[in-house]
Amino acid sequence: MNNLRRLDLNLLVTLDVLLSEHNVTRAAERLNLAQPSVSVHLAKLRDIFGDPLLLPGPRGMRPTARADELREPLRQALEALERAVSPASPFDPAEARHTWCVAASDYSESTILLPALSGLRSAAPGTRLAVLETVPSRIARQAEQGEIDLAFHTTEGAPSGLHRRALFTERYVLVGRAGHPRLKKRPTLSQFCELEHVIVSPDGGGFYGVTDKALAGAGLARRVVLSVPHFLFVMSVLARTDLVVMLPSRLVRDTSALQVVEPPADVPGFEMAMLWHERSHRDPAHQWLREYIADSV
């Protein structure tokens, strides 16, 4: 370790060229240095290694046994260092073997990942995708530690300190089963409040959301009779009951089994964003994945 502290990269590069040329003058030409500078480097190397390294011979200089031992490990080390500091090579999705990890709710799975999945499999067939459940309080730490590549979250309330890219703006619609007798036309505010509602509460057990907040501003309240943590269960509930639910519109596009109407209440929508950490911001593979997902939604 003491010897390592005394070395610098220039000395190692000089040694590599000297072991190749066996001649100080030719080494100086290759290194674009003055011959005395190369001689100074050689003197420092001899001191560090405690070995003459190169000895005068009939046809230039000949390496010592220690120099012969150093030749291949030194070459490999310099090549590895060259690869490490070289600009990142362009990402080729067709040849990639990456495993990407993303944090997504069931809403994000349906509206962001599902539209991208088929094309992703075609464009990058050798890659794998792991989808982890989104836990908002963990996103920043998971991204920082490399446990996830991307997370999807509403822009409002997204963890600070992460890069973000807005994907789309969402709005709410009123949804019930196809043929629902009270959704043949847009209900009035009074009729809306009389319906029995389901609410999706990601944290579990909540009976108050953005719709209730909007109604409260007008001095009104609705009847929320069921609270569930996932959107998938809501679809089954709607198919078998006369319950209704306020859902993000992208979840119910092209769904003939459901009746979708505009709500009478003015309920604010939200913006969905893609989040990632600085550690992967400039990685070509990561950049490709982000662009692909953004173009797919």
Protein backbone atom coordinates (compact mmCIF):
# COMPACT_ATOMS: atom_id res chain seq x y z
CA MET A 1 0.00 0.00 0.00
CA ASN A 2 2.87 2.40 0.75
CA ASN A 3 4.28 1.85 -2.74
CA LEU A 4 0.84 2.38 -4.23
CA ARG A 5 0.60 5.79 -2.56
CA ARG A 6 3.90 6.77 -4.16
CA LEU A 7 2.75 5.83 -7.67
CA ASP A 8 0.86 7.97 -10.10
CA LEU A 9 -0.72 7.01 -13.39
CA ASN A 10 1.95 8.71 -15.48
CA LEU A 11 4.65 6.51 -13.96
CA LEU A 12 2.70 3.35 -14.74
CA VAL A 13 2.08 4.46 -18.33
CA THR A 14 5.80 5.18 -18.73
CA LEU A 15 6.70 1.78 -17.32
CA ASP A 16 4.29 0.04 -19.70
CA VAL A 17 5.86 1.75 -22.72
CA LEU A 18 9.41 1.12 -21.48
CA LEU A 19 8.66 -2.58 -21.06
CA SER A 20 7.40 -2.60 -24.62
CA GLU A 21 10.20 -0.59 -26.27
CA HIS A 22 13.24 -1.49 -24.09
CA ASN A 23 14.60 1.91 -25.12
CA VAL A 24 14.29 5.27 -23.37
CA THR A 25 14.49 7.31 -26.58
CA ARG A 26 11.74 5.37 -28.39
CA ALA A 27 9.62 5.39 -25.24
CA ALA A 28 9.96 9.17 -25.02
CA GLU A 29 8.81 9.50 -28.63
CA ARG A 30 5.73 7.34 -28.01
CA LEU A 31 4.87 9.23 -24.86
CA ASN A 32 5.53 12.61 -26.47
CA LEU A 33 7.92 13.45 -23.65
CA ALA A 34 11.51 14.65 -23.50
CA GLN A 35 14.06 11.84 -22.99
CA PRO A 36 15.25 13.29 -19.64
CA SER A 37 11.66 13.19 -18.35
CA VAL A 38 11.39 9.48 -19.16
CA SER A 39 14.73 8.89 -17.45
CA VAL A 40 13.42 10.67 -14.34
CA HIS A 41 10.29 8.47 -14.43
CA LEU A 42 12.43 5.36 -14.70
CA ALA A 43 14.53 6.44 -11.72
CA LYS A 44 11.39 6.92 -9.63
CA LEU A 45 10.06 3.53 -10.68
CA ARG A 46 13.32 1.82 -9.75
CA ASP A 47 13.12 3.41 -6.33
CA ILE A 48 9.49 2.42 -5.79
CA PHE A 49 9.92 -1.18 -6.89
CA GLY A 50 13.38 -1.59 -5.40
CA ASP A 51 14.57 -3.08 -8.69
CA PRO A 52 16.49 -1.73 -11.72
CA LEU A 53 13.64 -2.96 -13.99
CA LEU A 54 15.65 -2.31 -17.19
CA LEU A 55 19.37 -2.97 -17.59
CA PRO A 56 21.74 -1.92 -20.38
CA GLY A 57 22.21 -4.62 -23.00
CA PRO A 58 23.80 -5.15 -26.40
CA ARG A 59 20.57 -4.23 -28.24
CA GLY A 60 19.09 -1.57 -26.02
CA MET A 61 17.78 -2.39 -22.54
CA ARG A 62 16.69 -5.75 -21.22
CA PRO A 63 14.04 -6.27 -18.51
CA THR A 64 14.89 -7.78 -15.16
CA ALA A 65 12.94 -10.76 -13.83
CA ARG A 66 10.84 -8.35 -11.75
CA ALA A 67 10.02 -6.32 -14.84
CA ASP A 68 8.94 -9.47 -16.68
CA GLU A 69 6.61 -10.29 -13.77
CA LEU A 70 5.10 -6.80 -13.97
CA ARG A 71 4.51 -6.72 -17.71
CA GLU A 72 1.19 -8.62 -18.04
CA PRO A 73 -0.50 -7.48 -14.80
CA LEU A 74 0.41 -3.90 -15.64
CA ARG A 75 -0.99 -4.21 -19.16
CA GLN A 76 -4.24 -5.69 -17.86
CA ALA A 77 -4.57 -3.01 -15.18
CA LEU A 78 -4.06 -0.17 -17.66
CA GLU A 79 -6.53 -1.70 -20.12
CA ALA A 80 -9.11 -2.04 -17.35
CA LEU A 81 -8.52 1.57 -16.32
CA GLU A 82 -8.87 2.69 -19.93
CA ARG A 83 -12.22 0.93 -20.18
CA ALA A 84 -13.33 2.48 -16.91
CA VAL A 85 -12.61 6.07 -17.96
CA SER A 86 -13.68 5.72 -21.59
CA PRO A 87 -17.01 7.29 -22.57
CA ALA A 88 -19.95 4.95 -22.07
CA SER A 89 -20.63 2.90 -25.17
CA PRO A 90 -23.98 3.40 -26.95
CA PHE A 91 -26.76 1.22 -25.60
CA ASP A 92 -28.01 -1.49 -27.97
CA PRO A 93 -31.38 -2.77 -26.67
CA ALA A 94 -31.32 -5.73 -29.06
CA GLU A 95 -28.14 -7.05 -27.36
CA ALA A 96 -28.88 -5.91 -23.80
CA ARG A 97 -29.07 -8.34 -20.88
CA HIS A 98 -30.22 -5.90 -18.21
CA THR A 99 -32.60 -6.57 -15.35
CA TRP A 100 -34.55 -3.41 -14.58
CA CYS A 101 -36.45 -2.87 -11.34
CA VAL A 102 -39.29 -0.37 -11.11
CA ALA A 103 -41.65 0.60 -8.30
CA ALA A 104 -45.25 0.88 -9.43
CA SER A 105 -48.75 0.81 -8.01
CA ASP A 106 -51.42 -1.26 -9.72
CA TYR A 107 -52.59 1.98 -11.37
CA SER A 108 -49.08 2.61 -12.77
CA GLU A 109 -48.82 -1.01 -13.86
CA SER A 110 -52.01 -0.67 -15.92
CA THR A 111 -51.49 2.80 -17.34
CA ILE A 112 -47.71 3.03 -17.78
CA LEU A 113 -46.06 -0.39 -17.79
CA LEU A 114 -48.72 -2.38 -19.64
CA PRO A 115 -48.77 -0.05 -22.69
CA ALA A 116 -44.96 -0.27 -22.84
CA LEU A 117 -44.53 -3.98 -22.18
CA SER A 118 -45.15 -5.54 -25.59
CA GLY A 119 -42.87 -3.11 -27.41
CA LEU A 120 -40.24 -3.41 -24.68
CA ARG A 121 -40.13 -7.18 -25.16
CA SER A 122 -39.67 -6.71 -28.91
CA ALA A 123 -37.06 -3.97 -28.68
CA ALA A 124 -35.02 -5.52 -25.85
CA PRO A 125 -35.81 -9.26 -25.80
CA GLY A 126 -32.82 -10.19 -23.62
CA THR A 127 -33.84 -7.89 -20.75
CA ARG A 128 -35.96 -8.59 -17.69
CA LEU A 129 -38.32 -6.32 -15.76
CA ALA A 130 -39.07 -6.64 -12.05
CA VAL A 131 -42.04 -4.67 -10.73
CA LEU A 132 -41.99 -3.85 -7.02
CA GLU A 133 -44.89 -2.48 -5.03
CA THR A 134 -44.64 1.26 -4.54
CA VAL A 135 -44.08 2.36 -0.96
CA PRO A 136 -43.77 6.16 -1.21
CA SER A 137 -41.70 6.50 1.97
CA ARG A 138 -39.09 4.10 0.58
CA ILE A 139 -38.72 5.40 -2.98
CA ALA A 140 -35.86 7.84 -2.35
CA ARG A 141 -33.81 5.32 -0.36
CA GLN A 142 -34.44 2.50 -2.85
CA ALA A 143 -33.37 4.72 -5.76
CA GLU A 144 -30.27 5.95 -3.95
CA GLN A 145 -29.17 2.42 -3.08
CA GLY A 146 -29.82 1.09 -6.59
CA GLU A 147 -32.67 -1.19 -5.51
CA ILE A 148 -34.95 0.37 -8.14
CA ASP A 149 -34.22 2.04 -11.45
CA LEU A 150 -37.49 3.94 -11.75
CA ALA A 151 -40.54 4.77 -9.69
CA PHE A 152 -43.91 6.12 -10.77
CA HIS A 153 -45.71 8.57 -8.51
CA THR A 154 -47.97 11.58 -8.69
CA THR A 155 -45.96 14.76 -9.09
CA GLU A 156 -47.62 16.13 -5.97
CA GLY A 157 -46.09 14.39 -3.01
CA ALA A 158 -43.23 12.81 -4.98
CA PRO A 159 -40.01 12.42 -2.96
CA SER A 160 -37.63 15.35 -3.25
CA GLY A 161 -34.06 14.99 -4.48
CA LEU A 162 -34.90 12.74 -7.44
CA HIS A 163 -35.00 13.50 -11.12
CA ARG A 164 -38.54 13.51 -12.45
CA ARG A 165 -40.30 13.58 -15.79
CA ALA A 166 -44.00 14.29 -16.15
CA LEU A 167 -45.72 11.56 -18.17
CA PHE A 168 -49.35 12.66 -18.41
CA THR A 169 -52.18 14.48 -16.64
CA GLU A 170 -55.07 12.37 -15.42
CA ARG A 171 -58.70 13.23 -14.66
CA TYR A 172 -61.44 11.41 -12.73
CA VAL A 173 -64.62 9.89 -14.17
CA LEU A 174 -67.61 8.22 -12.53
CA VAL A 175 -67.79 4.47 -13.23
CA GLY A 176 -70.32 1.70 -12.63
CA ARG A 177 -71.29 -1.56 -14.26
CA ALA A 178 -72.56 -1.53 -17.83
CA GLY A 179 -76.31 -0.95 -17.78
CA HIS A 180 -76.26 0.64 -14.31
CA PRO A 181 -79.79 2.05 -13.92
CA ARG A 182 -78.63 5.30 -12.33
CA LEU A 183 -75.80 6.01 -14.78
CA LYS A 184 -77.78 6.15 -18.00
CA LYS A 185 -77.03 9.86 -17.98
CA ARG A 186 -74.86 12.18 -15.96
CA PRO A 187 -76.28 12.36 -12.44
CA THR A 188 -76.96 15.60 -10.65
CA LEU A 189 -74.86 16.48 -7.61
CA SER A 190 -77.67 15.33 -5.35
CA GLN A 191 -78.04 12.03 -7.20
CA PHE A 192 -74.27 11.57 -7.15
CA CYS A 193 -74.17 11.91 -3.38
CA GLU A 194 -77.00 9.40 -2.95
CA LEU A 195 -75.14 6.66 -4.87
CA GLU A 196 -73.19 4.06 -2.90
CA HIS A 197 -69.50 4.61 -3.60
CA VAL A 198 -66.30 2.59 -3.43
CA ILE A 199 -63.06 4.39 -2.63
CA VAL A 200 -59.53 3.21 -3.41
CA SER A 201 -57.38 3.88 -0.36
CA PRO A 202 -53.76 2.85 -1.08
CA ASP A 203 -52.84 3.21 2.59
CA GLY A 204 -55.80 1.03 3.54
CA GLY A 205 -59.07 1.71 5.27
CA GLY A 206 -59.66 5.33 4.26
CA PHE A 207 -63.17 6.61 3.47
CA TYR A 208 -62.24 10.17 2.48
CA GLY A 209 -60.44 11.29 -0.67
CA VAL A 210 -60.12 14.08 -3.23
CA THR A 211 -63.77 13.67 -4.26
CA ASP A 212 -64.97 14.08 -0.69
CA LYS A 213 -62.75 17.13 -0.27
CA ALA A 214 -64.30 18.71 -3.39
CA LEU A 215 -67.82 17.95 -2.18
CA ALA A 216 -67.08 19.30 1.28
CA GLY A 217 -66.15 22.62 -0.31
CA ALA A 218 -69.72 22.82 -1.57
CA GLY A 219 -71.18 21.68 1.77
CA LEU A 220 -71.99 18.19 0.45
CA ALA A 221 -71.02 14.59 1.28
CA ARG A 222 -71.40 11.28 -0.54
CA ARG A 223 -72.03 7.75 0.73
CA VAL A 224 -68.77 5.77 0.74
CA VAL A 225 -69.64 2.20 1.74
CA LEU A 226 -66.54 0.28 0.68
CA SER A 227 -62.81 1.05 0.98
CA VAL A 228 -60.26 -1.11 -0.85
CA PRO A 229 -56.47 -0.82 -1.31
CA HIS A 230 -56.23 -1.83 -5.00
CA PHE A 231 -57.89 -0.87 -8.27
CA LEU A 232 -58.08 -4.46 -9.54
CA PHE A 233 -60.62 -5.48 -6.88
CA VAL A 234 -62.75 -2.46 -7.72
CA MET A 235 -63.37 -3.80 -11.23
CA SER A 236 -64.77 -7.05 -9.84
CA VAL A 237 -66.90 -5.19 -7.31
CA LEU A 238 -68.43 -2.98 -10.02
CA ALA A 239 -69.25 -5.97 -12.22
CA ARG A 240 -71.27 -7.66 -9.44
CA THR A 241 -72.94 -4.74 -7.65
CA ASP A 242 -74.55 -1.36 -8.19
CA LEU A 243 -71.72 0.39 -6.38
CA VAL A 244 -69.97 3.20 -8.25
CA VAL A 245 -66.47 4.62 -8.05
CA MET A 246 -64.52 7.67 -9.10
CA LEU A 247 -61.59 6.36 -11.15
CA PRO A 248 -58.73 7.85 -13.17
CA SER A 249 -59.94 7.85 -16.76
CA ARG A 250 -57.01 5.88 -18.19
CA LEU A 251 -58.00 2.85 -16.16
CA VAL A 252 -61.32 2.50 -17.95
CA ARG A 253 -60.43 3.30 -21.53
CA ASP A 254 -61.91 0.77 -23.95
CA THR A 255 -63.73 -1.14 -21.18
CA SER A 256 -67.13 -2.18 -22.53
CA ALA A 257 -68.15 -3.94 -19.31
CA LEU A 258 -68.34 -0.60 -17.51
CA GLN A 259 -70.48 2.51 -17.78
CA VAL A 260 -68.41 5.71 -17.69
CA VAL A 261 -69.93 9.16 -17.23
CA GLU A 262 -68.64 12.60 -16.39
CA PRO A 263 -69.04 13.36 -12.68
CA PRO A 264 -71.17 16.33 -11.65
CA ALA A 265 -68.52 17.38 -9.11
CA ASP A 266 -65.39 19.28 -10.13
CA VAL A 267 -62.73 16.90 -8.81
CA PRO A 268 -59.07 17.87 -9.41
CA GLY A 269 -56.99 15.41 -11.38
CA PHE A 270 -53.29 14.69 -10.98
CA GLU A 271 -50.05 14.47 -12.90
CA MET A 272 -48.09 11.21 -13.10
CA ALA A 273 -44.32 11.38 -13.09
CA MET A 274 -41.39 9.04 -13.60
CA LEU A 275 -38.69 9.32 -10.92
CA TRP A 276 -35.04 8.27 -10.83
CA HIS A 277 -31.81 8.95 -8.96
CA GLU A 278 -28.78 10.97 -10.08
CA ARG A 279 -26.66 7.78 -9.91
CA SER A 280 -28.31 6.48 -13.10
CA HIS A 281 -29.19 9.79 -14.73
CA ARG A 282 -26.49 9.59 -17.43
CA ASP A 283 -26.39 5.83 -17.92
CA PRO A 284 -27.16 5.07 -21.61
CA ALA A 285 -29.28 2.00 -20.80
CA HIS A 286 -31.26 3.92 -18.22
CA GLN A 287 -31.74 6.84 -20.59
CA TRP A 288 -33.07 4.47 -23.24
CA LEU A 289 -35.55 2.88 -20.83
CA ARG A 290 -36.84 6.26 -19.69
CA GLU A 291 -37.33 7.48 -23.24
CA TYR A 292 -39.04 4.26 -24.26
CA ILE A 293 -41.53 4.38 -21.39
CA ALA A 294 -42.24 8.09 -21.89
CA ASP A 295 -42.94 7.49 -25.60
CA SER A 296 -45.27 4.56 -24.83
CA VAL A 297 -47.80 6.25 -22.57
